[in-house]
Amino acid sequence: MRIFKATYKARDGSTRRTQKWYIELRDHLSITRRFSAFNDKTQSKALGWQIERLVSCRIAGERPTPELSRWLEAIPDRLKDRFVKIGLLEAERAAAGKPLNNHLQDFEQSLLAKGDTKGHVQVVVSRARRIIEGCGFKSWADLSANRVQRYLARLRNGGDGISIQTSNHYLQAIKQFCVWMTNSRLASESPLRHLKSLRILQTDRRHARRALEPNEIRILLEATKQAPERYGMSGYERYMLYKLAIESGLRRKELQSLTVSSFDFEACTVTVIDAYSKNRKQSVLPVRKGTAIELQRFFLGRLPGAKAFGGRYKRLTDKTANMLRADLAEVGIPYVDDGFFFDFHAQRHQTGTLLASTGVHPKIAQSIMQHSDINLTMSRYIHTLTGQEAEAIAGLPDLSTPSKQKMTATGTDGKTDLASCLAFLGGNHHSAMDSNGQTNQLGGVKNADSKANGRIRTDNHWFTKPELYR
């Protein structure tokens, strides 16, 4: 490698030297290359050493080290393009220098190609974009874990601050984008890999949900059945929708995906295909027989491919929370009670609560709710109904009744039957009497048919020498 300043002819005919230093070296093809460096000689030498390290990796056929990769991510685009042109750098790795907005577009297309729903992809990408724009990141080299942490803290602590759970969702989205960058070999490693989600506090929930009492649910369903049309759906159709949602625990998007053919009225099941299931697995859930009969009558005359719910709109509206809120108002049930909401998603909470109240095993409730973690089922989706705590306490044993028998004395106070204890240790639990009906010396360890005089016939070698126990 040679570091030098080039000479050139000035307009007055004199020979002058450039302010910049230049680097001259042989690349992986043994071709002499010249690179423009800096005005400072020390910085120019450091650049030359890095280029030589890149040439060495290329000759050896090895991937750049993490340190060299981080340097490549931070160098100017013109130098990166030069490396690609002469074959020192792969075009994919050079793409890491593109604006992050361009990478976000590629990330979005990748998620769609993977099979994620359009709505889910839009949410993930919008969250990642909000952090990138909020932190002022322009390129991959700008990403900083500290800046992301500070930005999320500002979002949580603002006037209308987001909850810890929402903050975790934002962090998960930007980390997912970073993982995609590394898996696509556009970056060496994620600068956010060590960031952890915050612990969610029960008091921090901004939209905590509740479950209604069973009688309140009956009042709601009875009134909705006779209610006027809302969002293109008749009162009876909304009644069927609410009833199925409460009895199955299906989410809004899963209910939106259902068609007439999703139901098996003989087996009394409903199937949600994997493309619309949150865990990306096909789910076959049971339906109560009475509800299945009502649904079969309701779908009478419809084509198998027709949407199950939606009425005149031909598709279930996204405004299900507003729809349910209006039906609740009709019967005087508050939408928000003491800070706890009963929106459309709260019907899943109703499902878990009713399952628990009828004594269903937690693992079965977890399966019906399609949860991967039973703690989520038990701590988030199951609520206590009125009177359940009092009934549980009332069901405890009555400790004021007299005991049936006294405890047997134990200890080392000299009152313990030593012979009985030794008989138990010796393995003979049936009798402590010898063949003559008398208690033997060691309380029944001797067999009834023993012929050994003064000896003990037993497989327990602790008793082979009885004199040790006199």
Protein backbone atom coordinates (compact mmCIF):
# COMPACT_ATOMS: atom_id res chain seq x y z
CA MET A 1 0.00 0.00 0.00
CA ARG A 2 1.25 3.48 -0.86
CA ILE A 3 -0.03 6.77 0.58
CA PHE A 4 0.79 9.84 -1.47
CA LYS A 5 -0.37 13.21 -2.70
CA ALA A 6 -0.93 13.54 -6.42
CA THR A 7 0.60 16.35 -8.48
CA TYR A 8 -1.11 18.41 -11.13
CA LYS A 9 -0.39 21.37 -13.40
CA ALA A 10 -1.89 24.68 -12.29
CA ARG A 11 -3.14 27.29 -14.72
CA ASP A 12 0.02 29.30 -14.32
CA GLY A 13 2.00 26.25 -15.42
CA SER A 14 3.42 25.41 -12.03
CA THR A 15 3.32 21.90 -10.54
CA ARG A 16 1.28 21.58 -7.42
CA ARG A 17 0.26 18.83 -5.03
CA THR A 18 -3.31 17.94 -4.11
CA GLN A 19 -4.67 18.63 -0.66
CA LYS A 20 -6.11 15.10 -0.46
CA TRP A 21 -4.05 12.00 0.07
CA TYR A 22 -4.44 9.00 -2.20
CA ILE A 23 -4.19 5.30 -1.52
CA GLU A 24 -2.67 2.88 -4.01
CA LEU A 25 -2.80 -0.88 -3.49
CA ARG A 26 -3.38 -4.20 -5.26
CA ASP A 27 -6.89 -5.71 -5.03
CA HIS A 28 -7.93 -9.37 -4.93
CA LEU A 29 -7.31 -9.62 -8.69
CA SER A 30 -3.78 -8.22 -8.35
CA ILE A 31 -4.90 -5.08 -10.14
CA THR A 32 -3.46 -1.82 -8.86
CA ARG A 33 -6.26 0.42 -7.61
CA ARG A 34 -6.17 4.05 -6.54
CA PHE A 35 -8.61 5.51 -4.01
CA SER A 36 -9.19 9.11 -3.01
CA ALA A 37 -8.74 9.50 0.77
CA PHE A 38 -8.71 12.46 3.19
CA ASN A 39 -6.78 15.65 3.75
CA ASP A 40 -5.37 14.12 6.93
CA LYS A 41 -2.63 11.56 6.39
CA THR A 42 -3.45 9.52 9.51
CA GLN A 43 -7.09 9.12 8.49
CA SER A 44 -5.98 8.20 4.97
CA LYS A 45 -3.69 5.47 6.34
CA ALA A 46 -6.53 4.08 8.46
CA LEU A 47 -8.75 3.94 5.37
CA GLY A 48 -6.02 2.12 3.46
CA TRP A 49 -5.64 -0.47 6.20
CA GLN A 50 -9.38 -1.15 6.16
CA ILE A 51 -9.36 -1.59 2.40
CA GLU A 52 -6.42 -3.99 2.70
CA ARG A 53 -8.37 -6.01 5.29
CA LEU A 54 -11.32 -6.14 2.89
CA VAL A 55 -9.00 -7.35 0.11
CA SER A 56 -7.61 -10.07 2.42
CA CYS A 57 -11.13 -11.31 3.23
CA ARG A 58 -12.01 -11.37 -0.47
CA ILE A 59 -8.87 -13.37 -1.35
CA ALA A 60 -9.52 -15.87 1.47
CA GLY A 61 -13.19 -16.17 0.52
CA GLU A 62 -14.26 -15.22 4.04
CA ARG A 63 -17.02 -12.93 5.20
CA PRO A 64 -15.92 -9.60 6.67
CA THR A 65 -15.47 -9.60 10.43
CA PRO A 66 -18.15 -7.84 12.53
CA GLU A 67 -15.83 -4.89 13.03
CA LEU A 68 -15.14 -4.60 9.30
CA SER A 69 -18.85 -5.01 8.56
CA ARG A 70 -19.73 -2.12 10.84
CA TRP A 71 -17.13 0.00 9.05
CA LEU A 72 -18.61 -0.93 5.66
CA GLU A 73 -22.07 0.09 6.82
CA ALA A 74 -20.80 3.56 7.76
CA ILE A 75 -18.67 4.44 4.71
CA PRO A 76 -19.97 6.84 2.01
CA ASP A 77 -22.13 5.41 -0.77
CA ARG A 78 -19.65 6.46 -3.48
CA LEU A 79 -16.87 4.37 -1.92
CA LYS A 80 -19.24 1.47 -1.34
CA ASP A 81 -20.33 1.59 -5.00
CA ARG A 82 -16.67 1.55 -6.02
CA PHE A 83 -16.07 -1.60 -3.98
CA VAL A 84 -19.06 -3.26 -5.64
CA LYS A 85 -17.87 -2.23 -9.09
CA ILE A 86 -14.41 -3.79 -8.69
CA GLY A 87 -15.80 -6.90 -6.95
CA LEU A 88 -14.56 -6.25 -3.43
CA LEU A 89 -18.07 -6.11 -1.98
CA GLU A 90 -21.29 -7.97 -2.68
CA ALA A 91 -24.13 -5.87 -4.05
CA GLU A 92 -26.46 -7.10 -1.28
CA ARG A 93 -24.14 -5.85 1.44
CA ALA A 94 -23.79 -2.52 -0.27
CA ALA A 95 -27.57 -2.18 -0.21
CA ALA A 96 -27.39 -1.60 3.55
CA GLY A 97 -26.40 1.97 2.77
CA LYS A 98 -29.76 2.68 1.17
CA PRO A 99 -32.21 4.96 3.01
CA LEU A 100 -34.13 3.10 5.69
CA ASN A 101 -37.45 4.04 4.06
CA ASN A 102 -36.41 2.00 1.01
CA HIS A 103 -35.57 -0.94 3.25
CA LEU A 104 -38.94 -0.62 4.97
CA GLN A 105 -40.67 -1.03 1.62
CA ASP A 106 -38.68 -4.20 0.96
CA PHE A 107 -39.46 -5.39 4.51
CA GLU A 108 -43.17 -4.89 3.88
CA GLN A 109 -43.05 -6.89 0.66
CA SER A 110 -41.15 -9.66 2.44
CA LEU A 111 -43.83 -9.95 5.13
CA LEU A 112 -46.59 -10.09 2.54
CA ALA A 113 -44.71 -12.73 0.55
CA LYS A 114 -44.33 -14.77 3.74
CA GLY A 115 -48.12 -14.95 4.05
CA ASP A 116 -48.83 -12.39 6.78
CA THR A 117 -52.17 -10.65 6.42
CA LYS A 118 -52.19 -7.17 4.91
CA GLY A 119 -53.59 -5.60 8.06
CA HIS A 120 -50.91 -7.18 10.27
CA VAL A 121 -48.15 -6.09 7.90
CA GLN A 122 -49.41 -2.51 7.86
CA VAL A 123 -49.42 -2.37 11.66
CA VAL A 124 -45.87 -3.75 11.99
CA VAL A 125 -44.40 -1.51 9.28
CA SER A 126 -46.16 1.62 10.57
CA ARG A 127 -44.80 1.01 14.08
CA ALA A 128 -41.26 0.50 12.79
CA ARG A 129 -41.56 3.62 10.60
CA ARG A 130 -42.78 5.73 13.53
CA ILE A 131 -39.66 4.85 15.54
CA ILE A 132 -37.33 5.44 12.58
CA GLU A 133 -38.86 8.84 11.84
CA GLY A 134 -39.20 9.78 15.51
CA CYS A 135 -35.54 9.04 16.19
CA GLY A 136 -34.40 10.72 12.96
CA PHE A 137 -32.73 7.61 11.54
CA LYS A 138 -31.83 7.94 7.85
CA SER A 139 -29.57 4.97 7.18
CA TRP A 140 -28.74 1.68 8.91
CA ALA A 141 -25.61 3.18 10.44
CA ASP A 142 -27.78 5.71 12.31
CA LEU A 143 -29.66 3.09 14.33
CA SER A 144 -28.94 3.42 18.04
CA ALA A 145 -30.37 1.39 20.92
CA ASN A 146 -30.10 4.32 23.33
CA ARG A 147 -32.03 6.63 21.02
CA VAL A 148 -34.78 4.03 20.58
CA GLN A 149 -35.07 3.60 24.35
CA ARG A 150 -35.27 7.35 24.93
CA TYR A 151 -37.88 7.80 22.19
CA LEU A 152 -40.11 5.04 23.60
CA ALA A 153 -39.77 6.56 27.07
CA ARG A 154 -40.99 9.90 25.68
CA LEU A 155 -43.97 8.17 24.08
CA ARG A 156 -44.89 6.54 27.40
CA ASN A 157 -44.43 9.67 29.50
CA GLY A 158 -46.17 12.19 27.24
CA GLY A 159 -49.52 13.83 27.91
CA ASP A 160 -51.44 11.04 26.19
CA GLY A 161 -48.66 8.53 26.78
CA ILE A 162 -48.85 5.04 25.36
CA SER A 163 -49.01 2.04 27.67
CA ILE A 164 -46.08 -0.25 28.41
CA GLN A 165 -47.73 -2.96 26.32
CA THR A 166 -48.00 -0.64 23.30
CA SER A 167 -44.40 0.44 23.85
CA ASN A 168 -43.37 -3.22 23.75
CA HIS A 169 -45.27 -3.65 20.47
CA TYR A 170 -43.32 -0.76 18.94
CA LEU A 171 -40.03 -2.24 20.15
CA GLN A 172 -40.98 -5.65 18.78
CA ALA A 173 -41.74 -4.13 15.35
CA ILE A 174 -38.41 -2.29 15.00
CA LYS A 175 -36.50 -5.34 16.28
CA GLN A 176 -38.31 -7.52 13.74
CA PHE A 177 -37.19 -5.11 11.01
CA CYS A 178 -33.59 -5.33 12.26
CA VAL A 179 -33.68 -9.13 12.31
CA TRP A 180 -34.96 -9.09 8.72
CA MET A 181 -32.03 -6.86 7.74
CA THR A 182 -29.51 -9.30 9.23
CA ASN A 183 -31.25 -12.41 7.84
CA SER A 184 -31.26 -10.78 4.40
CA ARG A 185 -27.51 -10.19 4.77
CA LEU A 186 -28.00 -6.46 4.43
CA ALA A 187 -26.43 -5.88 7.84
CA SER A 188 -23.98 -7.75 10.04
CA GLU A 189 -25.92 -7.61 13.31
CA SER A 190 -28.86 -5.86 14.92
CA PRO A 191 -27.92 -2.87 17.07
CA LEU A 192 -31.14 -3.44 19.06
CA ARG A 193 -30.62 -7.13 19.80
CA HIS A 194 -30.04 -6.58 23.54
CA LEU A 195 -33.14 -4.44 24.14
CA LYS A 196 -35.76 -6.23 26.24
CA SER A 197 -39.49 -5.65 26.56
CA LEU A 198 -40.64 -3.95 29.73
CA ARG A 199 -42.66 -5.75 32.36
CA ILE A 200 -46.34 -4.94 31.94
CA LEU A 201 -47.98 -3.68 35.12
CA GLN A 202 -51.66 -4.36 35.74
CA THR A 203 -52.10 -0.71 36.76
CA ASP A 204 -50.59 0.48 33.47
CA ARG A 205 -53.27 -0.95 31.21
CA ARG A 206 -54.94 1.88 29.27
CA HIS A 207 -57.77 -0.25 27.87
CA ALA A 208 -58.45 -2.90 30.50
CA ARG A 209 -61.41 -5.12 29.70
CA ARG A 210 -64.03 -6.79 31.85
CA ALA A 211 -66.59 -9.58 31.66
CA LEU A 212 -70.33 -9.17 32.16
CA GLU A 213 -72.47 -11.18 34.52
CA PRO A 214 -74.30 -14.09 32.80
CA ASN A 215 -77.67 -12.38 33.30
CA GLU A 216 -76.34 -9.20 31.68
CA ILE A 217 -75.29 -11.25 28.65
CA ARG A 218 -78.77 -12.76 28.42
CA ILE A 219 -80.34 -9.28 28.57
CA LEU A 220 -78.00 -8.02 25.85
CA LEU A 221 -78.69 -10.97 23.51
CA GLU A 222 -82.47 -10.86 24.02
CA ALA A 223 -82.62 -7.13 23.30
CA THR A 224 -80.25 -7.29 20.32
CA LYS A 225 -82.38 -9.95 18.67
CA GLN A 226 -85.23 -7.42 18.40
CA ALA A 227 -83.05 -4.33 17.77
CA PRO A 228 -83.01 -2.37 14.46
CA GLU A 229 -80.34 -2.69 11.78
CA ARG A 230 -76.84 -1.38 12.50
CA TYR A 231 -73.81 -1.37 10.18
CA GLY A 232 -75.75 -3.31 7.57
CA MET A 233 -76.66 -6.11 9.99
CA SER A 234 -80.10 -6.91 11.33
CA GLY A 235 -80.65 -7.31 15.05
CA TYR A 236 -80.96 -11.08 14.71
CA GLU A 237 -77.69 -11.34 12.77
CA ARG A 238 -75.89 -9.33 15.46
CA TYR A 239 -77.47 -11.59 18.08
CA MET A 240 -76.01 -14.63 16.30
CA LEU A 241 -72.63 -12.89 15.95
CA TYR A 242 -72.39 -11.98 19.64
CA LYS A 243 -73.54 -15.41 20.75
CA LEU A 244 -70.97 -17.20 18.58
CA ALA A 245 -68.21 -14.81 19.67
CA ILE A 246 -68.94 -15.40 23.37
CA GLU A 247 -69.29 -19.17 23.08
CA SER A 248 -66.25 -19.71 20.82
CA GLY A 249 -63.82 -16.94 21.80
CA LEU A 250 -63.14 -16.10 18.15
CA ARG A 251 -61.50 -12.74 17.39
CA ARG A 252 -63.04 -10.12 15.11
CA LYS A 253 -60.77 -10.88 12.16
CA GLU A 254 -61.39 -14.59 12.57
CA LEU A 255 -65.13 -13.95 12.54
CA GLN A 256 -64.70 -11.75 9.45
CA SER A 257 -63.06 -14.65 7.64
CA LEU A 258 -65.86 -17.15 8.27
CA THR A 259 -68.03 -18.34 5.42
CA VAL A 260 -71.03 -20.67 5.43
CA SER A 261 -68.71 -23.56 4.53
CA SER A 262 -66.61 -22.87 7.66
CA PHE A 263 -69.31 -24.59 9.73
CA ASP A 264 -69.87 -28.34 10.04
CA PHE A 265 -73.41 -28.57 11.40
CA GLU A 266 -73.28 -32.34 11.88
CA ALA A 267 -70.06 -32.28 13.90
CA CYS A 268 -71.00 -28.90 15.46
CA THR A 269 -67.64 -27.27 14.68
CA VAL A 270 -66.34 -24.10 13.07
CA THR A 271 -63.00 -23.95 11.21
CA VAL A 272 -60.72 -20.91 10.99
CA ILE A 273 -58.09 -21.30 8.26
CA ASP A 274 -54.45 -20.61 9.11
CA ALA A 275 -54.27 -17.41 7.03
CA TYR A 276 -56.70 -15.67 9.41
CA SER A 277 -55.79 -17.36 12.69
CA LYS A 278 -53.54 -15.29 14.95
CA ASN A 279 -51.19 -18.22 15.61
CA ARG A 280 -51.11 -19.06 11.87
CA LYS A 281 -52.56 -22.52 12.51
CA GLN A 282 -55.86 -23.88 11.31
CA SER A 283 -58.27 -24.09 14.22
CA VAL A 284 -61.30 -26.34 14.52
CA LEU A 285 -63.43 -25.25 17.47
CA PRO A 286 -66.61 -26.79 18.89
CA VAL A 287 -69.95 -24.99 18.65
CA ARG A 288 -72.82 -25.60 21.07
CA LYS A 289 -75.44 -27.81 19.47
CA GLY A 290 -78.25 -25.32 20.01
CA THR A 291 -76.18 -22.52 18.48
CA ALA A 292 -75.25 -24.75 15.52
CA ILE A 293 -78.94 -25.40 14.83
CA GLU A 294 -79.70 -21.66 14.98
CA LEU A 295 -76.81 -20.88 12.62
CA GLN A 296 -77.91 -23.56 10.16
CA ARG A 297 -81.38 -22.01 9.99
CA PHE A 298 -79.88 -18.53 9.70
CA PHE A 299 -77.64 -19.56 6.75
CA LEU A 300 -80.46 -21.35 4.94
CA GLY A 301 -80.41 -20.50 1.23
CA ARG A 302 -76.89 -19.00 1.21
CA LEU A 303 -74.06 -20.21 -0.98
CA PRO A 304 -71.18 -22.06 0.77
CA GLY A 305 -68.69 -19.30 -0.13
CA ALA A 306 -70.84 -16.46 1.21
CA LYS A 307 -69.58 -14.57 4.25
CA ALA A 308 -71.16 -15.76 7.48
CA PHE A 309 -71.72 -12.25 8.82
CA GLY A 310 -71.94 -8.80 7.28
CA GLY A 311 -75.55 -8.31 6.19
CA ARG A 312 -75.94 -5.74 3.42
CA TYR A 313 -72.22 -4.91 3.60
CA LYS A 314 -71.41 -8.53 2.56
CA ARG A 315 -68.56 -8.43 5.08
CA LEU A 316 -68.38 -7.91 8.83
CA THR A 317 -67.60 -4.27 9.56
CA ASP A 318 -64.38 -3.15 11.25
CA LYS A 319 -66.52 -0.96 13.53
CA THR A 320 -67.67 -3.86 15.69
CA ALA A 321 -66.77 -1.99 18.90
CA ASN A 322 -69.08 0.90 17.93
CA MET A 323 -71.78 -1.56 16.96
CA LEU A 324 -71.64 -3.39 20.29
CA ARG A 325 -71.45 -0.10 22.17
CA ALA A 326 -74.76 1.01 20.63
CA ASP A 327 -76.42 -2.29 21.54
CA LEU A 328 -75.14 -2.01 25.12
CA ALA A 329 -76.56 1.49 25.40
CA GLU A 330 -80.00 0.19 24.34
CA VAL A 331 -80.20 -2.03 27.43
CA GLY A 332 -78.41 0.32 29.83
CA ILE A 333 -75.22 -1.70 30.24
CA PRO A 334 -72.23 0.69 30.50
CA TYR A 335 -69.53 0.40 27.86
CA VAL A 336 -66.95 1.54 30.45
CA ASP A 337 -67.45 0.63 34.10
CA ASP A 338 -64.90 1.86 36.65
CA GLY A 339 -62.27 2.15 33.89
CA PHE A 340 -62.90 -1.34 32.49
CA PHE A 341 -64.24 -1.69 28.92
CA PHE A 342 -66.63 -4.16 27.41
CA ASP A 343 -65.83 -3.78 23.72
CA PHE A 344 -66.03 -6.42 21.02
CA HIS A 345 -62.73 -8.04 22.00
CA ALA A 346 -63.96 -8.24 25.61
CA GLN A 347 -66.24 -11.05 24.45
CA ARG A 348 -63.11 -13.24 24.43
CA HIS A 349 -62.69 -12.30 28.09
CA GLN A 350 -66.31 -13.36 28.54
CA THR A 351 -65.52 -16.74 26.98
CA GLY A 352 -62.62 -17.41 29.34
CA THR A 353 -64.60 -16.24 32.36
CA LEU A 354 -67.61 -18.45 31.58
CA LEU A 355 -65.37 -21.46 30.95
CA ALA A 356 -63.68 -20.98 34.32
CA SER A 357 -67.00 -20.45 36.12
CA THR A 358 -68.27 -23.82 34.88
CA GLY A 359 -65.18 -25.65 36.16
CA VAL A 360 -63.45 -26.25 32.82
CA HIS A 361 -59.83 -27.36 33.20
CA PRO A 362 -57.39 -24.51 32.49
CA LYS A 363 -55.63 -26.48 29.72
CA ILE A 364 -58.94 -26.95 27.90
CA ALA A 365 -59.73 -23.25 28.29
CA GLN A 366 -56.27 -22.41 26.91
CA SER A 367 -56.91 -24.63 23.88
CA ILE A 368 -60.31 -23.07 23.16
CA MET A 369 -58.86 -19.57 23.54
CA GLN A 370 -55.98 -20.52 21.21
CA HIS A 371 -53.32 -19.23 23.58
CA SER A 372 -49.73 -20.46 23.55
CA ASP A 373 -49.20 -19.43 27.19
CA ILE A 374 -51.59 -20.58 29.88
CA ASN A 375 -50.58 -17.60 32.03
CA LEU A 376 -52.20 -15.34 29.44
CA THR A 377 -55.43 -17.31 29.71
CA MET A 378 -55.50 -17.32 33.49
CA SER A 379 -54.24 -13.81 34.29
CA ARG A 380 -55.69 -11.75 31.42
CA TYR A 381 -58.81 -13.39 30.06
CA ILE A 382 -60.45 -14.94 33.12
CA HIS A 383 -62.31 -12.61 35.50
CA THR A 384 -64.15 -13.21 38.75
CA LEU A 385 -67.94 -13.09 38.62
CA THR A 386 -70.08 -11.72 41.44
CA GLY A 387 -70.38 -14.16 44.34
CA GLN A 388 -67.70 -16.58 43.18
CA GLU A 389 -65.24 -15.62 45.91
CA ALA A 390 -67.91 -15.95 48.62
CA GLU A 391 -68.96 -19.35 47.24
CA ALA A 392 -65.35 -20.52 47.23
CA ILE A 393 -64.88 -19.56 50.89
CA ALA A 394 -68.23 -21.13 51.82
CA GLY A 395 -67.09 -24.39 50.24
CA LEU A 396 -64.09 -24.73 52.59
CA PRO A 397 -64.26 -27.45 55.31
CA ASP A 398 -65.93 -26.41 58.58
CA LEU A 399 -63.01 -26.29 60.99
CA SER A 400 -65.26 -25.80 64.03
CA THR A 401 -66.59 -29.41 64.02
CA PRO A 402 -65.00 -31.82 66.57
CA SER A 403 -62.24 -34.11 65.32
CA LYS A 404 -63.07 -37.80 64.76
CA GLN A 405 -59.95 -39.24 66.45
CA LYS A 406 -56.96 -38.19 68.48
CA MET A 407 -53.46 -37.97 67.06
CA THR A 408 -51.15 -40.91 67.93
CA ALA A 409 -48.35 -39.90 70.26
CA THR A 410 -44.96 -39.75 68.60
CA GLY A 411 -41.53 -38.62 69.62
CA THR A 412 -38.77 -39.75 71.99
CA ASP A 413 -40.54 -39.44 75.34
CA GLY A 414 -40.17 -43.15 76.08
CA LYS A 415 -43.84 -43.94 75.33
CA THR A 416 -43.28 -45.12 71.80
CA ASP A 417 -43.68 -48.85 71.21
CA LEU A 418 -40.10 -49.70 70.19
CA ALA A 419 -41.02 -53.26 69.31
CA SER A 420 -43.69 -52.09 66.87
CA CYS A 421 -41.21 -49.72 65.25
CA LEU A 422 -38.61 -52.47 64.87
CA ALA A 423 -41.26 -54.80 63.50
CA PHE A 424 -42.14 -52.20 60.87
CA LEU A 425 -38.47 -51.74 59.95
CA GLY A 426 -38.02 -55.47 59.76
CA GLY A 427 -40.74 -55.84 57.18
CA ASN A 428 -43.32 -57.84 59.22
CA HIS A 429 -46.32 -55.53 59.55
CA HIS A 430 -48.95 -58.15 60.31
CA SER A 431 -48.31 -59.44 63.81
CA ALA A 432 -46.00 -59.07 66.73
CA MET A 433 -46.86 -62.54 68.12
CA ASP A 434 -44.74 -65.68 67.91
CA SER A 435 -46.03 -69.23 67.21
CA ASN A 436 -47.04 -69.64 70.83
CA GLY A 437 -49.13 -66.51 70.76
CA GLN A 438 -46.49 -64.56 72.68
CA THR A 439 -44.79 -61.40 71.60
CA ASN A 440 -41.22 -62.16 70.57
CA GLN A 441 -38.22 -60.21 71.70
CA LEU A 442 -38.18 -57.92 68.73
CA GLY A 443 -41.89 -57.41 68.39
CA GLY A 444 -42.83 -59.72 65.52
CA VAL A 445 -39.69 -59.72 63.44
CA LYS A 446 -39.31 -63.44 64.16
CA ASN A 447 -41.39 -65.61 61.78
CA ALA A 448 -44.01 -67.95 63.19
CA ASP A 449 -42.29 -71.03 61.74
CA SER A 450 -38.76 -69.98 62.72
CA LYS A 451 -36.65 -72.94 63.93
CA ALA A 452 -33.59 -70.88 64.82
CA ASN A 453 -33.11 -70.75 68.58
CA GLY A 454 -32.56 -67.19 69.69
CA ARG A 455 -32.05 -66.08 66.14
CA ILE A 456 -34.06 -63.88 63.82
CA ARG A 457 -35.13 -65.10 60.41
CA THR A 458 -35.43 -62.02 58.20
CA ASP A 459 -33.98 -60.63 54.97
CA ASN A 460 -33.12 -57.39 56.74
CA HIS A 461 -29.46 -57.56 57.70
CA TRP A 462 -29.94 -54.97 60.43
CA PHE A 463 -31.40 -57.77 62.56
CA THR A 464 -28.75 -60.49 62.03
CA LYS A 465 -27.22 -59.69 65.43
CA PRO A 466 -30.02 -59.04 67.94
CA GLU A 467 -27.58 -58.53 70.82
CA LEU A 468 -26.75 -55.13 69.34
CA TYR A 469 -30.25 -53.96 70.20
CA ARG A 470 -30.54 -55.17 73.84
